[in-house]
PDB file of N, CA and C in Angstrom:
ATOM      1  N   MET A   1       0.846  -1.166   0.000  1.00  0.00           N
ATOM      2  CA  MET A   1       0.000   0.000   0.000  1.00  0.00           C
ATOM      3  C   MET A   1       0.899   1.239   0.000  1.00  0.00           C
ATOM      4  N   ASP A   2       0.660   2.151  -0.948  1.00  0.00           N
ATOM      5  CA  ASP A   2       1.424   3.386  -1.025  1.00  0.00           C
ATOM      6  C   ASP A   2       0.659   4.475  -0.305  1.00  0.00           C
ATOM      7  N   LEU A   3       1.135   4.857   0.870  1.00  0.00           N
ATOM      8  CA  LEU A   3       0.445   5.848   1.684  1.00  0.00           C
ATOM      9  C   LEU A   3       0.579   7.254   1.135  1.00  0.00           C
ATOM     10  N   PHE A   4       1.460   7.440   0.173  1.00  0.00           N
ATOM     11  CA  PHE A   4       1.717   8.760  -0.358  1.00  0.00           C
ATOM     12  C   PHE A   4       1.431   8.814  -1.856  1.00  0.00           C
ATOM     13  N   GLU A   5       0.455   8.012  -2.306  1.00  0.00           N
ATOM     14  CA  GLU A   5       0.173   7.911  -3.729  1.00  0.00           C
ATOM     15  C   GLU A   5      -0.353   9.206  -4.324  1.00  0.00           C
ATOM     16  N   HIS A   6      -0.876  10.100  -3.505  1.00  0.00           N
ATOM     17  CA  HIS A   6      -1.421  11.347  -4.014  1.00  0.00           C
ATOM     18  C   HIS A   6      -0.389  12.465  -4.050  1.00  0.00           C
ATOM     19  N   ALA A   7       0.818  12.158  -3.674  1.00  0.00           N
ATOM     20  CA  ALA A   7       1.874  13.171  -3.702  1.00  0.00           C
ATOM     21  C   ALA A   7       2.223  13.496  -5.149  1.00  0.00           C
ATOM     22  N   ALA A   8       2.561  14.731  -5.391  1.00  0.00           N
ATOM     23  CA  ALA A   8       2.904  15.162  -6.740  1.00  0.00           C
ATOM     24  C   ALA A   8       4.160  14.448  -7.221  1.00  0.00           C
ATOM     25  N   ALA A   9       4.176  14.103  -8.520  1.00  0.00           N
ATOM     26  CA  ALA A   9       5.330  13.426  -9.097  1.00  0.00           C
ATOM     27  C   ALA A   9       6.438  14.412  -9.428  1.00  0.00           C
ATOM     28  N   SER A  10       6.110  15.699  -9.450  1.00  0.00           N
ATOM     29  CA  SER A  10       7.115  16.723  -9.708  1.00  0.00           C
ATOM     30  C   SER A  10       6.820  17.938  -8.832  1.00  0.00           C
ATOM     31  N   ARG A  11       7.811  18.787  -8.701  1.00  0.00           N
ATOM     32  CA  ARG A  11       7.649  20.012  -7.920  1.00  0.00           C
ATOM     33  C   ARG A  11       7.172  21.149  -8.828  1.00  0.00           C
ATOM     34  N   ARG A  12       6.552  22.153  -8.239  1.00  0.00           N
ATOM     35  CA  ARG A  12       6.097  23.321  -9.018  1.00  0.00           C
ATOM     36  C   ARG A  12       7.266  24.030  -9.681  1.00  0.00           C
ATOM     37  N   THR A  13       8.433  23.943  -9.079  1.00  0.00           N
ATOM     38  CA  THR A  13       9.602  24.644  -9.615  1.00  0.00           C
ATOM     39  C   THR A  13      10.350  23.831 -10.670  1.00  0.00           C
ATOM     40  N   ASP A  14       9.929  22.603 -10.928  1.00  0.00           N
ATOM     41  CA  ASP A  14      10.577  21.778 -11.950  1.00  0.00           C
ATOM     42  C   ASP A  14      10.283  22.331 -13.345  1.00  0.00           C
ATOM     43  N   PRO A  15      11.206  22.122 -14.288  1.00  0.00           N
ATOM     44  CA  PRO A  15      10.950  22.548 -15.665  1.00  0.00           C
ATOM     45  C   PRO A  15       9.725  21.829 -16.247  1.00  0.00           C
ATOM     46  N   ALA A  16       9.136  22.403 -17.257  1.00  0.00           N
ATOM     47  CA  ALA A  16       7.931  21.838 -17.880  1.00  0.00           C
ATOM     48  C   ALA A  16       8.159  20.404 -18.341  1.00  0.00           C
ATOM     49  N   THR A  17       9.355  20.086 -18.816  1.00  0.00           N
ATOM     50  CA  THR A  17       9.627  18.726 -19.277  1.00  0.00           C
ATOM     51  C   THR A  17       9.561  17.724 -18.132  1.00  0.00           C
ATOM     52  N   SER A  18      10.035  18.129 -16.961  1.00  0.00           N
ATOM     53  CA  SER A  18       9.970  17.240 -15.793  1.00  0.00           C
ATOM     54  C   SER A  18       8.535  17.054 -15.331  1.00  0.00           C
ATOM     55  N   ARG A  19       7.745  18.134 -15.339  1.00  0.00           N
ATOM     56  CA  ARG A  19       6.335  18.016 -14.942  1.00  0.00           C
ATOM     57  C   ARG A  19       5.593  17.100 -15.893  1.00  0.00           C
ATOM     58  N   ALA A  20       5.865  17.220 -17.182  1.00  0.00           N
ATOM     59  CA  ALA A  20       5.204  16.359 -18.171  1.00  0.00           C
ATOM     60  C   ALA A  20       5.606  14.904 -17.961  1.00  0.00           C
ATOM     61  N   ALA A  21       6.872  14.658 -17.691  1.00  0.00           N
ATOM     62  CA  ALA A  21       7.331  13.283 -17.458  1.00  0.00           C
ATOM     63  C   ALA A  21       6.695  12.721 -16.194  1.00  0.00           C
ATOM     64  N   GLY A  22       6.509  13.568 -15.187  1.00  0.00           N
ATOM     65  CA  GLY A  22       5.898  13.120 -13.940  1.00  0.00           C
ATOM     66  C   GLY A  22       4.460  12.677 -14.118  1.00  0.00           C
ATOM     67  N   THR A  23       3.734  13.288 -15.019  1.00  0.00           N
ATOM     68  CA  THR A  23       2.334  12.905 -15.225  1.00  0.00           C
ATOM     69  C   THR A  23       2.208  11.652 -16.072  1.00  0.00           C
ATOM     70  N   THR A  24       3.200  11.352 -16.908  1.00  0.00           N
ATOM     71  CA  THR A  24       3.119  10.160 -17.758  1.00  0.00           C
ATOM     72  C   THR A  24       3.781   8.945 -17.135  1.00  0.00           C
ATOM     73  N   ASN A  25       4.559   9.146 -16.093  1.00  0.00           N
ATOM     74  CA  ASN A  25       5.251   8.039 -15.445  1.00  0.00           C
ATOM     75  C   ASN A  25       4.255   7.285 -14.561  1.00  0.00           C
ATOM     76  N   LYS A  26       3.854   6.108 -14.992  1.00  0.00           N
ATOM     77  CA  LYS A  26       2.840   5.334 -14.274  1.00  0.00           C
ATOM     78  C   LYS A  26       3.409   4.194 -13.445  1.00  0.00           C
ATOM     79  N   ARG A  27       4.727   4.008 -13.473  1.00  0.00           N
ATOM     80  CA  ARG A  27       5.291   2.905 -12.696  1.00  0.00           C
ATOM     81  C   ARG A  27       5.165   3.217 -11.203  1.00  0.00           C
ATOM     82  N   PRO A  28       4.885   2.209 -10.403  1.00  0.00           N
ATOM     83  CA  PRO A  28       4.745   2.472  -8.969  1.00  0.00           C
ATOM     84  C   PRO A  28       6.075   2.901  -8.361  1.00  0.00           C
ATOM     85  N   ARG A  29       6.000   3.862  -7.458  1.00  0.00           N
ATOM     86  CA  ARG A  29       7.194   4.335  -6.773  1.00  0.00           C
ATOM     87  C   ARG A  29       7.075   3.994  -5.302  1.00  0.00           C
ATOM     88  N   ARG A  30       8.172   3.563  -4.737  1.00  0.00           N
ATOM     89  CA  ARG A  30       8.226   3.384  -3.284  1.00  0.00           C
ATOM     90  C   ARG A  30       9.069   4.507  -2.743  1.00  0.00           C
ATOM     91  N   GLY A  31       8.438   5.378  -2.002  1.00  0.00           N
ATOM     92  CA  GLY A  31       9.156   6.500  -1.436  1.00  0.00           C
ATOM     93  C   GLY A  31       9.926   6.104  -0.187  1.00  0.00           C
ATOM     94  N   HIS A  32      10.816   6.967   0.210  1.00  0.00           N
ATOM     95  CA  HIS A  32      11.623   6.720   1.405  1.00  0.00           C
ATOM     96  C   HIS A  32      10.748   6.561   2.646  1.00  0.00           C
ATOM     97  N   ARG A  33       9.658   7.352   2.733  1.00  0.00           N
ATOM     98  CA  ARG A  33       8.770   7.216   3.893  1.00  0.00           C
ATOM     99  C   ARG A  33       8.137   5.828   3.941  1.00  0.00           C
ATOM    100  N   ASP A  34       7.705   5.321   2.788  1.00  0.00           N
ATOM    101  CA  ASP A  34       7.103   3.977   2.747  1.00  0.00           C
ATOM    102  C   ASP A  34       8.097   2.921   3.204  1.00  0.00           C
ATOM    103  N   ILE A  35       9.328   3.036   2.729  1.00  0.00           N
ATOM    104  CA  ILE A  35      10.362   2.057   3.076  1.00  0.00           C
ATOM    105  C   ILE A  35      10.669   2.119   4.569  1.00  0.00           C
ATOM    106  N   LEU A  36      10.766   3.327   5.123  1.00  0.00           N
ATOM    107  CA  LEU A  36      11.036   3.463   6.557  1.00  0.00           C
ATOM    108  C   LEU A  36       9.864   2.979   7.399  1.00  0.00           C
ATOM    109  N   LEU A  37       8.639   3.251   6.952  1.00  0.00           N
ATOM    110  CA  LEU A  37       7.465   2.760   7.683  1.00  0.00           C
ATOM    111  C   LEU A  37       7.460   1.237   7.722  1.00  0.00           C
ATOM    112  N   GLU A  38       7.774   0.600   6.605  1.00  0.00           N
ATOM    113  CA  GLU A  38       7.856  -0.864   6.582  1.00  0.00           C
ATOM    114  C   GLU A  38       8.915  -1.370   7.554  1.00  0.00           C
ATOM    115  N   ALA A  39      10.061  -0.683   7.625  1.00  0.00           N
ATOM    116  CA  ALA A  39      11.125  -1.094   8.552  1.00  0.00           C
ATOM    117  C   ALA A  39      10.662  -0.941  10.000  1.00  0.00           C
ATOM    118  N   ILE A  40       9.979   0.156  10.316  1.00  0.00           N
ATOM    119  CA  ILE A  40       9.490   0.367  11.683  1.00  0.00           C
ATOM    120  C   ILE A  40       8.455  -0.700  12.033  1.00  0.00           C
ATOM    121  N   GLU A  41       7.584  -1.035  11.105  1.00  0.00           N
ATOM    122  CA  GLU A  41       6.586  -2.083  11.362  1.00  0.00           C
ATOM    123  C   GLU A  41       7.262  -3.429  11.588  1.00  0.00           C
ATOM    124  N   ARG A  42       8.309  -3.711  10.826  1.00  0.00           N
ATOM    125  CA  ARG A  42       9.034  -4.971  10.965  1.00  0.00           C
ATOM    126  C   ARG A  42       9.748  -5.052  12.313  1.00  0.00           C
ATOM    127  N   LEU A  43      10.371  -3.949  12.739  1.00  0.00           N
ATOM    128  CA  LEU A  43      11.130  -3.928  13.991  1.00  0.00           C
ATOM    129  C   LEU A  43      10.245  -3.728  15.214  1.00  0.00           C
ATOM    130  N   GLU A  44       9.061  -3.186  15.024  1.00  0.00           N
ATOM    131  CA  GLU A  44       8.056  -2.886  16.052  1.00  0.00           C
ATOM    132  C   GLU A  44       8.413  -1.679  16.912  1.00  0.00           C
ATOM    133  N   THR A  45       9.595  -1.577  17.438  1.00  0.00           N
ATOM    134  CA  THR A  45      10.064  -0.353  18.095  1.00  0.00           C
ATOM    135  C   THR A  45      11.511  -0.141  17.684  1.00  0.00           C
ATOM    136  N   CYS A  46      11.844   1.114  17.365  1.00  0.00           N
ATOM    137  CA  CYS A  46      13.201   1.421  16.919  1.00  0.00           C
ATOM    138  C   CYS A  46      13.393   2.926  16.850  1.00  0.00           C
ATOM    139  N   THR A  47      14.639   3.326  16.765  1.00  0.00           N
ATOM    140  CA  THR A  47      14.954   4.722  16.518  1.00  0.00           C
ATOM    141  C   THR A  47      14.906   4.953  15.003  1.00  0.00           C
ATOM    142  N   ALA A  48      14.922   6.210  14.608  1.00  0.00           N
ATOM    143  CA  ALA A  48      14.937   6.521  13.176  1.00  0.00           C
ATOM    144  C   ALA A  48      16.183   5.912  12.519  1.00  0.00           C
ATOM    145  N   ARG A  49      17.297   5.975  13.216  1.00  0.00           N
ATOM    146  CA  ARG A  49      18.535   5.410  12.664  1.00  0.00           C
ATOM    147  C   ARG A  49      18.439   3.887  12.513  1.00  0.00           C
ATOM    148  N   GLU A  50      17.851   3.224  13.493  1.00  0.00           N
ATOM    149  CA  GLU A  50      17.691   1.768  13.396  1.00  0.00           C
ATOM    150  C   GLU A  50      16.773   1.399  12.235  1.00  0.00           C
ATOM    151  N   ALA A  51      15.723   2.191  12.013  1.00  0.00           N
ATOM    152  CA  ALA A  51      14.835   1.944  10.870  1.00  0.00           C
ATOM    153  C   ALA A  51      15.612   2.123   9.571  1.00  0.00           C
ATOM    154  N   PHE A  52      16.424   3.157   9.500  1.00  0.00           N
ATOM    155  CA  PHE A  52      17.259   3.392   8.325  1.00  0.00           C
ATOM    156  C   PHE A  52      18.203   2.217   8.082  1.00  0.00           C
ATOM    157  N   GLU A  53      18.861   1.754   9.142  1.00  0.00           N
ATOM    158  CA  GLU A  53      19.815   0.650   9.005  1.00  0.00           C
ATOM    159  C   GLU A  53      19.132  -0.647   8.586  1.00  0.00           C
ATOM    160  N   ALA A  54      17.848  -0.799   8.912  1.00  0.00           N
ATOM    161  CA  ALA A  54      17.101  -2.004   8.535  1.00  0.00           C
ATOM    162  C   ALA A  54      16.502  -1.888   7.130  1.00  0.00           C
ATOM    163  N   SER A  55      16.672  -0.748   6.510  1.00  0.00           N
ATOM    164  CA  SER A  55      16.115  -0.528   5.171  1.00  0.00           C
ATOM    165  C   SER A  55      17.222  -0.610   4.127  1.00  0.00           C
ATOM    166  N   ASP A  56      16.829  -0.441   2.884  1.00  0.00           N
ATOM    167  CA  ASP A  56      17.815  -0.452   1.797  1.00  0.00           C
ATOM    168  C   ASP A  56      17.977   0.952   1.205  1.00  0.00           C
ATOM    169  N   LEU A  57      17.824   1.956   2.041  1.00  0.00           N
ATOM    170  CA  LEU A  57      17.910   3.335   1.571  1.00  0.00           C
ATOM    171  C   LEU A  57      19.353   3.789   1.403  1.00  0.00           C
ATOM    172  N   PRO A  58      19.573   4.752   0.511  1.00  0.00           N
ATOM    173  CA  PRO A  58      20.927   5.278   0.333  1.00  0.00           C
ATOM    174  C   PRO A  58      21.357   6.086   1.558  1.00  0.00           C
ATOM    175  N   PRO A  59      22.657   6.198   1.789  1.00  0.00           N
ATOM    176  CA  PRO A  59      23.168   6.843   2.995  1.00  0.00           C
ATOM    177  C   PRO A  59      22.727   8.301   3.195  1.00  0.00           C
ATOM    178  N   ARG A  60      22.461   9.046   2.157  1.00  0.00           N
ATOM    179  CA  ARG A  60      22.163  10.469   2.301  1.00  0.00           C
ATOM    180  C   ARG A  60      20.675  10.757   2.089  1.00  0.00           C
ATOM    181  N   CYS A  61      19.811   9.932   2.610  1.00  0.00           N
ATOM    182  CA  CYS A  61      18.377  10.066   2.326  1.00  0.00           C
ATOM    183  C   CYS A  61      17.614  10.914   3.348  1.00  0.00           C
ATOM    184  N   CYS A  62      18.269  11.492   4.325  1.00  0.00           N
ATOM    185  CA  CYS A  62      17.606  12.301   5.368  1.00  0.00           C
ATOM    186  C   CYS A  62      16.518  11.497   6.077  1.00  0.00           C
ATOM    187  N   TYR A  63      16.856  10.298   6.490  1.00  0.00           N
ATOM    188  CA  TYR A  63      15.892   9.381   7.101  1.00  0.00           C
ATOM    189  C   TYR A  63      15.198   9.979   8.313  1.00  0.00           C
ATOM    190  N   TRP A  64      15.901  10.787   9.110  1.00  0.00           N
ATOM    191  CA  TRP A  64      15.295  11.379  10.308  1.00  0.00           C
ATOM    192  C   TRP A  64      14.144  12.319   9.937  1.00  0.00           C
ATOM    193  N   LYS A  65      14.252  12.999   8.806  1.00  0.00           N
ATOM    194  CA  LYS A  65      13.162  13.870   8.352  1.00  0.00           C
ATOM    195  C   LYS A  65      11.957  13.042   7.913  1.00  0.00           C
ATOM    196  N   ARG A  66      12.217  11.949   7.205  1.00  0.00           N
ATOM    197  CA  ARG A  66      11.111  11.107   6.733  1.00  0.00           C
ATOM    198  C   ARG A  66      10.366  10.477   7.905  1.00  0.00           C
ATOM    199  N   VAL A  67      11.089  10.028   8.952  1.00  0.00           N
ATOM    200  CA  VAL A  67      10.425   9.453  10.130  1.00  0.00           C
ATOM    201  C   VAL A  67       9.620  10.533  10.850  1.00  0.00           C
ATOM    202  N   SER A  68      10.151  11.734  10.923  1.00  0.00           N
ATOM    203  CA  SER A  68       9.412  12.843  11.518  1.00  0.00           C
ATOM    204  C   SER A  68       8.118  13.115  10.748  1.00  0.00           C
ATOM    205  N   GLU A  69       8.174  13.019   9.432  1.00  0.00           N
ATOM    206  CA  GLU A  69       6.968  13.195   8.609  1.00  0.00           C
ATOM    207  C   GLU A  69       5.958  12.080   8.872  1.00  0.00           C
ATOM    208  N   LEU A  70       6.439  10.870   9.067  1.00  0.00           N
ATOM    209  CA  LEU A  70       5.535   9.763   9.409  1.00  0.00           C
ATOM    210  C   LEU A  70       4.840  10.032  10.734  1.00  0.00           C
ATOM    211  N   GLU A  71       5.586  10.596  11.686  1.00  0.00           N
ATOM    212  CA  GLU A  71       4.989  10.933  12.982  1.00  0.00           C
ATOM    213  C   GLU A  71       3.943  12.035  12.813  1.00  0.00           C
ATOM    214  N   GLN A  72       4.252  13.051  12.028  1.00  0.00           N
ATOM    215  CA  GLN A  72       3.309  14.147  11.800  1.00  0.00           C
ATOM    216  C   GLN A  72       2.024  13.658  11.139  1.00  0.00           C
ATOM    217  N   ARG A  73       2.128  12.641  10.302  1.00  0.00           N
ATOM    218  CA  ARG A  73       0.958  12.090   9.618  1.00  0.00           C
ATOM    219  C   ARG A  73       0.203  11.074  10.481  1.00  0.00           C
ATOM    220  N   GLY A  74       0.726  10.792  11.681  1.00  0.00           N
ATOM    221  CA  GLY A  74       0.060   9.876  12.588  1.00  0.00           C
ATOM    222  C   GLY A  74       0.274   8.407  12.276  1.00  0.00           C
ATOM    223  N   LEU A  75       1.297   8.080  11.502  1.00  0.00           N
ATOM    224  CA  LEU A  75       1.557   6.691  11.123  1.00  0.00           C
ATOM    225  C   LEU A  75       2.492   5.986  12.092  1.00  0.00           C
ATOM    226  N   VAL A  76       3.325   6.754  12.780  1.00  0.00           N
ATOM    227  CA  VAL A  76       4.175   6.220  13.853  1.00  0.00           C
ATOM    228  C   VAL A  76       4.032   7.154  15.045  1.00  0.00           C
ATOM    229  N   ARG A  77       4.413   6.650  16.218  1.00  0.00           N
ATOM    230  CA  ARG A  77       4.332   7.483  17.418  1.00  0.00           C
ATOM    231  C   ARG A  77       5.574   7.241  18.263  1.00  0.00           C
ATOM    232  N   VAL A  78       5.895   8.224  19.065  1.00  0.00           N
ATOM    233  CA  VAL A  78       7.035   8.116  19.972  1.00  0.00           C
ATOM    234  C   VAL A  78       6.594   7.311  21.185  1.00  0.00           C
ATOM    235  N   VAL A  79       7.358   6.282  21.514  1.00  0.00           N
ATOM    236  CA  VAL A  79       7.022   5.424  22.659  1.00  0.00           C
ATOM    237  C   VAL A  79       8.101   5.430  23.731  1.00  0.00           C
ATOM    238  N   GLY A  80       9.159   6.189  23.507  1.00  0.00           N
ATOM    239  CA  GLY A  80      10.221   6.245  24.498  1.00  0.00           C
ATOM    240  C   GLY A  80      11.430   6.969  23.966  1.00  0.00           C
ATOM    241  N   GLN A  81      12.527   6.801  24.685  1.00  0.00           N
ATOM    242  CA  GLN A  81      13.774   7.451  24.309  1.00  0.00           C
ATOM    243  C   GLN A  81      14.927   6.568  24.772  1.00  0.00           C
ATOM    244  N   ARG A  82      16.014   6.562  24.004  1.00  0.00           N
ATOM    245  CA  ARG A  82      17.231   5.876  24.438  1.00  0.00           C
ATOM    246  C   ARG A  82      18.423   6.542  23.778  1.00  0.00           C
ATOM    247  N   HIS A  83      19.599   6.236  24.282  1.00  0.00           N
ATOM    248  CA  HIS A  83      20.821   6.840  23.770  1.00  0.00           C
ATOM    249  C   HIS A  83      21.421   5.969  22.674  1.00  0.00           C
ATOM    250  N   ASP A  84      21.878   6.621  21.630  1.00  0.00           N
ATOM    251  CA  ASP A  84      22.570   5.936  20.539  1.00  0.00           C
ATOM    252  C   ASP A  84      23.940   5.511  21.065  1.00  0.00           C
ATOM    253  N   PRO A  85      24.287   4.229  20.957  1.00  0.00           N
ATOM    254  CA  PRO A  85      25.562   3.761  21.512  1.00  0.00           C
ATOM    255  C   PRO A  85      26.788   4.363  20.821  1.00  0.00           C
ATOM    256  N   GLU A  86      26.666   4.745  19.556  1.00  0.00           N
ATOM    257  CA  GLU A  86      27.815   5.313  18.837  1.00  0.00           C
ATOM    258  C   GLU A  86      28.025   6.789  19.166  1.00  0.00           C
ATOM    259  N   THR A  87      26.941   7.546  19.259  1.00  0.00           N
ATOM    260  CA  THR A  87      27.060   8.997  19.437  1.00  0.00           C
ATOM    261  C   THR A  87      26.693   9.457  20.840  1.00  0.00           C
ATOM    262  N   ASN A  88      26.081   8.599  21.625  1.00  0.00           N
ATOM    263  CA  ASN A  88      25.568   8.911  22.958  1.00  0.00           C
ATOM    264  C   ASN A  88      24.496  10.008  22.928  1.00  0.00           C
ATOM    265  N   ALA A  89      23.919  10.233  21.756  1.00  0.00           N
ATOM    266  CA  ALA A  89      22.849  11.229  21.617  1.00  0.00           C
ATOM    267  C   ALA A  89      21.516  10.597  22.031  1.00  0.00           C
ATOM    268  N   ALA A  90      20.652  11.393  22.639  1.00  0.00           N
ATOM    269  CA  ALA A  90      19.312  10.919  22.985  1.00  0.00           C
ATOM    270  C   ALA A  90      18.494  10.785  21.704  1.00  0.00           C
ATOM    271  N   CYS A  91      17.820   9.655  21.549  1.00  0.00           N
ATOM    272  CA  CYS A  91      17.038   9.380  20.342  1.00  0.00           C
ATOM    273  C   CYS A  91      15.613   8.984  20.713  1.00  0.00           C
ATOM    274  N   GLN A  92      14.661   9.446  19.920  1.00  0.00           N
ATOM    275  CA  GLN A  92      13.272   9.026  20.088  1.00  0.00           C
ATOM    276  C   GLN A  92      13.150   7.569  19.648  1.00  0.00           C
ATOM    277  N   VAL A  93      12.310   6.816  20.332  1.00  0.00           N
ATOM    278  CA  VAL A  93      11.997   5.449  19.926  1.00  0.00           C
ATOM    279  C   VAL A  93      10.583   5.485  19.362  1.00  0.00           C
ATOM    280  N   TYR A  94      10.429   4.949  18.170  1.00  0.00           N
ATOM    281  CA  TYR A  94       9.158   4.978  17.456  1.00  0.00           C
ATOM    282  C   TYR A  94       8.541   3.591  17.369  1.00  0.00           C
ATOM    283  N   ALA A  95       7.218   3.564  17.237  1.00  0.00           N
ATOM    284  CA  ALA A  95       6.467   2.339  16.995  1.00  0.00           C
ATOM    285  C   ALA A  95       5.360   2.677  16.013  1.00  0.00           C
ATOM    286  N   PRO A  96       4.877   1.681  15.266  1.00  0.00           N
ATOM    287  CA  PRO A  96       3.738   1.941  14.387  1.00  0.00           C
ATOM    288  C   PRO A  96       2.550   2.432  15.215  1.00  0.00           C
ATOM    289  N   ALA A  97       1.793   3.366  14.678  1.00  0.00           N
ATOM    290  CA  ALA A  97       0.669   3.948  15.414  1.00  0.00           C
ATOM    291  C   ALA A  97      -0.388   2.905  15.759  1.00  0.00           C
ATOM    292  N   TRP A  98      -0.498   1.852  14.964  1.00  0.00           N
ATOM    293  CA  TRP A  98      -1.534   0.841  15.194  1.00  0.00           C
ATOM    294  C   TRP A  98      -1.182  -0.078  16.356  1.00  0.00           C
ATOM    295  N   MET A  99       0.071  -0.065  16.806  1.00  0.00           N
ATOM    296  CA  MET A  99       0.460  -0.938  17.913  1.00  0.00           C
ATOM    297  C   MET A  99      -0.088  -0.381  19.227  1.00  0.00           C
ATOM    298  N   GLY A 100      -0.564  -1.236  20.076  1.00  0.00           N
ATOM    299  CA  GLY A 100      -1.064  -0.814  21.382  1.00  0.00           C
ATOM    300  C   GLY A 100       0.077  -0.527  22.337  1.00  0.00           C
ATOM    301  N   GLY A 101      -0.273  -0.250  23.562  1.00  0.00           N
ATOM    302  CA  GLY A 101       0.741   0.001  24.584  1.00  0.00           C
ATOM    303  C   GLY A 101       0.787   1.462  24.954  1.00  0.00           C
ATOM    304  N   SER A 102       1.384   1.708  26.086  1.00  0.00           N
ATOM    305  CA  SER A 102       1.461   3.084  26.565  1.00  0.00           C
ATOM    306  C   SER A 102       2.769   3.717  26.137  1.00  0.00           C
ATOM    307  N   THR A 103       2.777   5.030  26.060  1.00  0.00           N
ATOM    308  CA  THR A 103       4.009   5.749  25.756  1.00  0.00           C
ATOM    309  C   THR A 103       4.741   6.013  27.051  1.00  0.00           C
ATOM    310  N   GLU A 104       6.031   6.207  26.957  1.00  0.00           N
ATOM    311  CA  GLU A 104       6.857   6.476  28.147  1.00  0.00           C
ATOM    312  C   GLU A 104       7.076   7.947  28.317  1.00  0.00           C
TER     313      GLU A 104
END
């Protein structure tokens, strides 16, 4: 299921040729948010970085922004916090919104 199927295939600032190609391109696209959501569902609880590491996304995909967008859309929720062992930074722990349980 593509949760972002209604998203525009091109930006308003793209050249006319790109906008035209975006309307004729009918192949299904899996966006970074979809891939990260699938990883979070598979892991059940994880940080944005752990979801990224469990996915096949490229290294410079801004995964933390995509997970934040999933949270804003109500598809994942924050259920806790823990420290990243490599950076010792505090990280939000996410779970799919459909999962039960209390938040911390």
